[in-house]
Amino acid sequence: GEGILLYGPPGCGKTMMAKAAAKECGADFISVKTSSIVSKWVGASEKNIKQVFDTARDSERAIIFFDEIDSIAVRRSESEEYAKRVVNELLAQMDGVDTSHDNLLVLAATNEPWAIDPALRRPGRFSKLVFIPEPDLEARIAIFGIQLKKRPIADDVNVKELARITGSYSGADIAAICKEAADIPLGEALRGGEVRKIKMQDFLQAIKQRKPSILSWYISAKDQIMHTGETAAFEDILDKVED
């Protein structure tokens, strides 16, 4: 069975994509927050992983989704003894997946693909790497549209313009901008001002106060990739930094 590793900057919809995939193909979605797997009790973490795969095999169709997989699957040379056992258990379970037979897809997401043990990226494991970049213009227009659907916005709000000026912002950043813009008239009303709709000016102020979270991710990503020397594996990240 081939696992798929979704990677890219934080807040850009990796988890959402995994959920959507499960819904599309009518599969049970088994989401594993890996930070919660790393149990303080030695030996329990491996049991947790085995249990996840057992549950999935009992389903007619299942997608197992390991979120933040870097919290358990770091390079074994750099990790504690018990973390190595967790990775070994995960490898053993992945190697035991026969996709033709099991109707099981294993997805994982990470903001730090370079930190993951290369053994996990060999054929038959997470050998398909899919880069999920920040939203492009079309996607940003759509995200603003979704975020503003239930909010009272003034006629002067230009969604296309907002999408144009939020070039390096993640989906999560845009959601935060919409909430912060909505809080401005709300705050005025709570202080006894007139109740009004959210204006373009409120959005511009919210954008000005919030730096895009992605730029720093790309800079540190480039440093880390250069450090591990895996430039060929992560060309798409490096191409972005060159731009």
Protein backbone atom coordinates (compact mmCIF):
# COMPACT_ATOMS: atom_id res chain seq x y z
CA GLY A 1 0.00 0.00 0.00
CA GLU A 2 1.22 3.45 -0.91
CA GLY A 3 0.76 6.10 1.75
CA ILE A 4 0.42 9.74 0.78
CA LEU A 5 2.18 12.52 2.64
CA LEU A 6 0.60 15.95 2.35
CA TYR A 7 3.07 18.67 3.20
CA GLY A 8 3.32 22.41 3.03
CA PRO A 9 2.96 25.55 5.13
CA PRO A 10 0.61 25.51 8.14
CA GLY A 11 -3.02 26.58 7.83
CA CYS A 12 -3.43 25.73 4.15
CA GLY A 13 -6.01 22.98 4.27
CA LYS A 14 -4.09 19.69 4.51
CA THR A 15 -6.50 18.31 7.12
CA MET A 16 -9.51 19.60 5.20
CA MET A 17 -8.31 17.85 2.03
CA ALA A 18 -7.91 14.55 3.85
CA LYS A 19 -11.45 14.81 5.25
CA ALA A 20 -12.83 15.73 1.83
CA ALA A 21 -11.10 12.71 0.27
CA ALA A 22 -12.73 10.39 2.80
CA LYS A 23 -16.15 11.92 2.17
CA GLU A 24 -15.74 11.68 -1.61
CA CYS A 25 -15.05 7.97 -1.56
CA GLY A 26 -17.46 7.15 1.27
CA ALA A 27 -14.71 5.91 3.57
CA ASP A 28 -14.55 5.93 7.34
CA PHE A 29 -12.24 8.75 8.36
CA ILE A 30 -9.95 7.79 11.22
CA SER A 31 -8.09 10.87 12.31
CA VAL A 32 -5.07 10.46 14.56
CA LYS A 33 -3.63 13.51 16.27
CA THR A 34 -0.12 12.15 16.59
CA SER A 35 0.77 14.41 19.48
CA SER A 36 -1.87 12.47 21.47
CA ILE A 37 -0.40 9.09 20.45
CA VAL A 38 2.93 9.82 22.01
CA SER A 39 1.94 8.31 25.29
CA LYS A 40 3.90 8.83 28.45
CA TRP A 41 3.57 5.12 29.14
CA VAL A 42 6.28 3.32 27.25
CA GLY A 43 4.78 0.66 24.99
CA ALA A 44 1.33 2.23 24.90
CA SER A 45 2.12 4.32 21.83
CA GLU A 46 2.86 1.26 19.71
CA LYS A 47 -0.39 -0.34 20.89
CA ASN A 48 -2.24 2.85 19.95
CA ILE A 49 -0.86 2.69 16.41
CA LYS A 50 -1.68 -1.00 16.05
CA GLN A 51 -5.19 -0.32 17.32
CA VAL A 52 -5.73 2.40 14.71
CA PHE A 53 -4.80 0.01 11.89
CA ASP A 54 -6.91 -2.80 13.37
CA THR A 55 -9.95 -0.51 13.54
CA ALA A 56 -9.37 0.58 9.93
CA ARG A 57 -9.11 -3.01 8.73
CA ASP A 58 -12.48 -3.77 10.28
CA SER A 59 -14.09 -1.05 8.15
CA GLU A 60 -15.31 -1.68 4.65
CA ARG A 61 -13.32 1.32 3.47
CA ALA A 62 -11.14 3.54 5.55
CA ILE A 63 -8.74 6.43 5.40
CA ILE A 64 -6.32 6.71 8.29
CA PHE A 65 -5.07 10.25 8.67
CA PHE A 66 -2.00 11.02 10.77
CA ASP A 67 -2.01 14.73 11.49
CA GLU A 68 1.30 16.38 12.46
CA ILE A 69 3.12 13.15 11.74
CA ASP A 70 6.44 14.88 12.41
CA SER A 71 5.63 14.71 16.13
CA ILE A 72 6.19 10.93 16.05
CA ALA A 73 8.07 10.20 12.85
CA VAL A 74 11.23 12.23 13.31
CA ARG A 75 14.50 10.83 12.04
CA ARG A 76 15.31 7.91 14.27
CA SER A 77 18.92 8.95 14.60
CA GLU A 78 17.76 12.07 16.42
CA SER A 79 14.99 10.68 18.56
CA GLU A 80 14.52 9.02 21.91
CA GLU A 81 14.44 5.26 22.18
CA TYR A 82 10.66 5.04 22.63
CA ALA A 83 10.04 7.32 19.63
CA LYS A 84 12.10 4.92 17.50
CA ARG A 85 9.81 2.09 18.57
CA VAL A 86 6.77 4.13 17.57
CA VAL A 87 8.24 4.72 14.10
CA ASN A 88 9.14 1.04 13.78
CA GLU A 89 5.57 0.06 14.68
CA LEU A 90 4.23 2.49 12.11
CA LEU A 91 6.58 1.06 9.46
CA ALA A 92 5.54 -2.49 10.32
CA GLN A 93 1.85 -1.59 10.06
CA MET A 94 2.35 0.26 6.76
CA ASP A 95 4.28 -2.70 5.36
CA GLY A 96 1.38 -4.94 6.34
CA VAL A 97 -1.17 -2.96 4.35
CA ASP A 98 -2.26 -4.70 1.18
CA THR A 99 -4.31 -2.01 -0.56
CA SER A 100 -5.91 -4.30 -3.11
CA HIS A 101 -7.16 -6.35 -0.22
CA ASP A 102 -7.63 -3.91 2.63
CA ASN A 103 -9.42 -0.96 1.00
CA LEU A 104 -7.31 1.19 3.20
CA LEU A 105 -5.55 4.44 2.41
CA VAL A 106 -3.03 5.99 4.76
CA LEU A 107 -2.63 9.75 4.60
CA ALA A 108 -0.39 11.93 6.72
CA ALA A 109 0.18 15.65 6.99
CA THR A 110 3.18 17.63 8.10
CA ASN A 111 4.51 21.16 8.08
CA GLU A 112 8.04 19.71 8.37
CA PRO A 113 8.50 16.99 5.74
CA TRP A 114 12.29 17.21 5.94
CA ALA A 115 12.19 16.17 9.61
CA ILE A 116 10.50 12.86 8.85
CA ASP A 117 12.53 9.67 8.93
CA PRO A 118 13.48 8.90 5.29
CA ALA A 119 12.58 5.24 5.88
CA LEU A 120 8.95 6.37 6.01
CA ARG A 121 9.24 7.84 2.52
CA ARG A 122 10.39 4.65 0.78
CA PRO A 123 8.20 2.86 -1.78
CA GLY A 124 5.23 1.13 -0.18
CA ARG A 125 5.17 3.64 2.67
CA PHE A 126 4.61 7.39 2.34
CA SER A 127 6.22 7.38 -1.07
CA LYS A 128 3.82 9.83 -2.70
CA LEU A 129 4.56 13.35 -1.54
CA VAL A 130 1.96 15.98 -2.35
CA PHE A 131 2.82 19.64 -1.85
CA ILE A 132 -0.13 21.74 -0.61
CA PRO A 133 0.96 25.36 -1.08
CA GLU A 134 -0.74 28.51 0.17
CA PRO A 135 -4.01 29.37 -1.63
CA ASP A 136 -3.74 31.04 -5.03
CA LEU A 137 -5.88 34.02 -6.07
CA GLU A 138 -8.92 31.92 -7.04
CA ALA A 139 -8.73 29.97 -3.78
CA ARG A 140 -8.38 33.17 -1.74
CA ILE A 141 -11.47 34.65 -3.41
CA ALA A 142 -13.34 31.45 -2.49
CA ILE A 143 -12.07 31.51 1.13
CA PHE A 144 -13.12 35.15 1.59
CA GLY A 145 -16.50 34.25 0.07
CA ILE A 146 -17.04 31.42 2.54
CA GLN A 147 -15.85 33.47 5.52
CA LEU A 148 -18.08 36.46 4.68
CA LYS A 149 -21.21 34.56 3.76
CA LYS A 150 -22.77 34.85 7.21
CA ARG A 151 -21.29 38.23 8.13
CA PRO A 152 -22.91 41.62 7.52
CA ILE A 153 -20.62 43.35 5.01
CA ALA A 154 -20.98 46.85 3.58
CA ASP A 155 -21.34 47.49 -0.16
CA ASP A 156 -17.82 48.87 -0.44
CA VAL A 157 -16.19 45.53 0.42
CA ASN A 158 -14.34 44.27 -2.66
CA VAL A 159 -13.54 40.56 -2.21
CA LYS A 160 -11.37 40.38 -5.36
CA GLU A 161 -9.24 43.26 -4.10
CA LEU A 162 -8.92 41.64 -0.66
CA ALA A 163 -7.81 38.41 -2.32
CA ARG A 164 -5.31 40.32 -4.45
CA ILE A 165 -3.57 41.95 -1.49
CA THR A 166 -3.37 38.80 0.64
CA GLY A 167 -0.84 37.07 -1.62
CA SER A 168 1.27 35.18 0.93
CA TYR A 169 -1.48 34.54 3.46
CA SER A 170 -2.67 31.08 4.43
CA GLY A 171 -6.32 30.03 4.56
CA ALA A 172 -6.12 30.19 8.35
CA ASP A 173 -4.68 33.73 8.13
CA ILE A 174 -7.59 34.82 5.94
CA ALA A 175 -10.14 33.34 8.36
CA ALA A 176 -8.44 35.29 11.17
CA ILE A 177 -8.48 38.52 9.12
CA CYS A 178 -12.24 38.17 8.55
CA LYS A 179 -12.86 37.61 12.25
CA GLU A 180 -10.64 40.56 13.22
CA ALA A 181 -12.35 42.84 10.67
CA ALA A 182 -15.76 41.79 12.05
CA ASP A 183 -14.60 42.56 15.59
CA ILE A 184 -13.99 46.25 14.76
CA PRO A 185 -17.66 47.36 14.28
CA LEU A 186 -18.67 44.93 17.02
CA GLY A 187 -16.27 46.61 19.45
CA GLU A 188 -17.62 50.05 18.49
CA ALA A 189 -21.20 48.90 19.09
CA LEU A 190 -20.29 47.42 22.47
CA ARG A 191 -18.78 50.75 23.44
CA GLY A 192 -22.08 52.46 22.62
CA GLY A 193 -21.36 53.39 19.00
CA GLU A 194 -23.80 52.88 16.14
CA VAL A 195 -24.33 49.37 14.85
CA ARG A 196 -22.81 49.17 11.36
CA LYS A 197 -21.73 46.65 8.77
CA ILE A 198 -18.11 45.60 8.20
CA LYS A 199 -16.44 48.01 5.77
CA MET A 200 -13.50 47.63 3.43
CA GLN A 201 -11.50 49.85 5.78
CA ASP A 202 -11.96 47.29 8.61
CA PHE A 203 -10.48 44.56 6.42
CA LEU A 204 -7.55 46.73 5.38
CA GLN A 205 -6.83 47.50 9.02
CA ALA A 206 -6.98 43.80 9.96
CA ILE A 207 -4.64 42.90 7.09
CA LYS A 208 -2.19 45.64 8.08
CA GLN A 209 -2.03 44.29 11.65
CA ARG A 210 -1.48 40.67 10.65
CA LYS A 211 1.73 39.57 8.94
CA PRO A 212 1.42 36.50 6.68
CA SER A 213 2.48 33.42 8.64
CA ILE A 214 3.86 31.64 5.59
CA LEU A 215 6.92 33.72 4.73
CA SER A 216 8.80 32.71 7.85
CA TRP A 217 7.83 29.07 7.20
CA TYR A 218 9.43 29.17 3.73
CA ILE A 219 12.61 30.76 5.05
CA SER A 220 13.06 28.19 7.80
CA ALA A 221 12.03 25.38 5.41
CA LYS A 222 14.80 26.35 3.04
CA ASP A 223 17.38 26.36 5.87
CA GLN A 224 16.27 22.93 7.09
CA ILE A 225 16.25 21.40 3.61
CA MET A 226 19.75 22.70 2.92
CA HIS A 227 20.81 21.28 6.26
CA THR A 228 19.48 17.77 5.52
CA GLY A 229 20.74 18.01 1.92
CA GLU A 230 17.45 16.68 0.50
CA THR A 231 17.15 19.40 -2.11
CA ALA A 232 15.85 17.07 -4.84
CA ALA A 233 12.95 15.80 -2.69
CA PHE A 234 11.65 19.27 -1.89
CA GLU A 235 12.32 21.27 -5.04
CA ASP A 236 8.83 22.77 -5.02
CA ILE A 237 9.53 24.48 -1.68
CA LEU A 238 12.91 25.76 -2.86
CA ASP A 239 11.40 27.05 -6.12
CA LYS A 240 8.97 29.13 -4.08
CA VAL A 241 11.77 30.66 -2.02
CA GLU A 242 13.71 31.55 -5.17
CA ASP A 243 10.75 33.50 -6.59
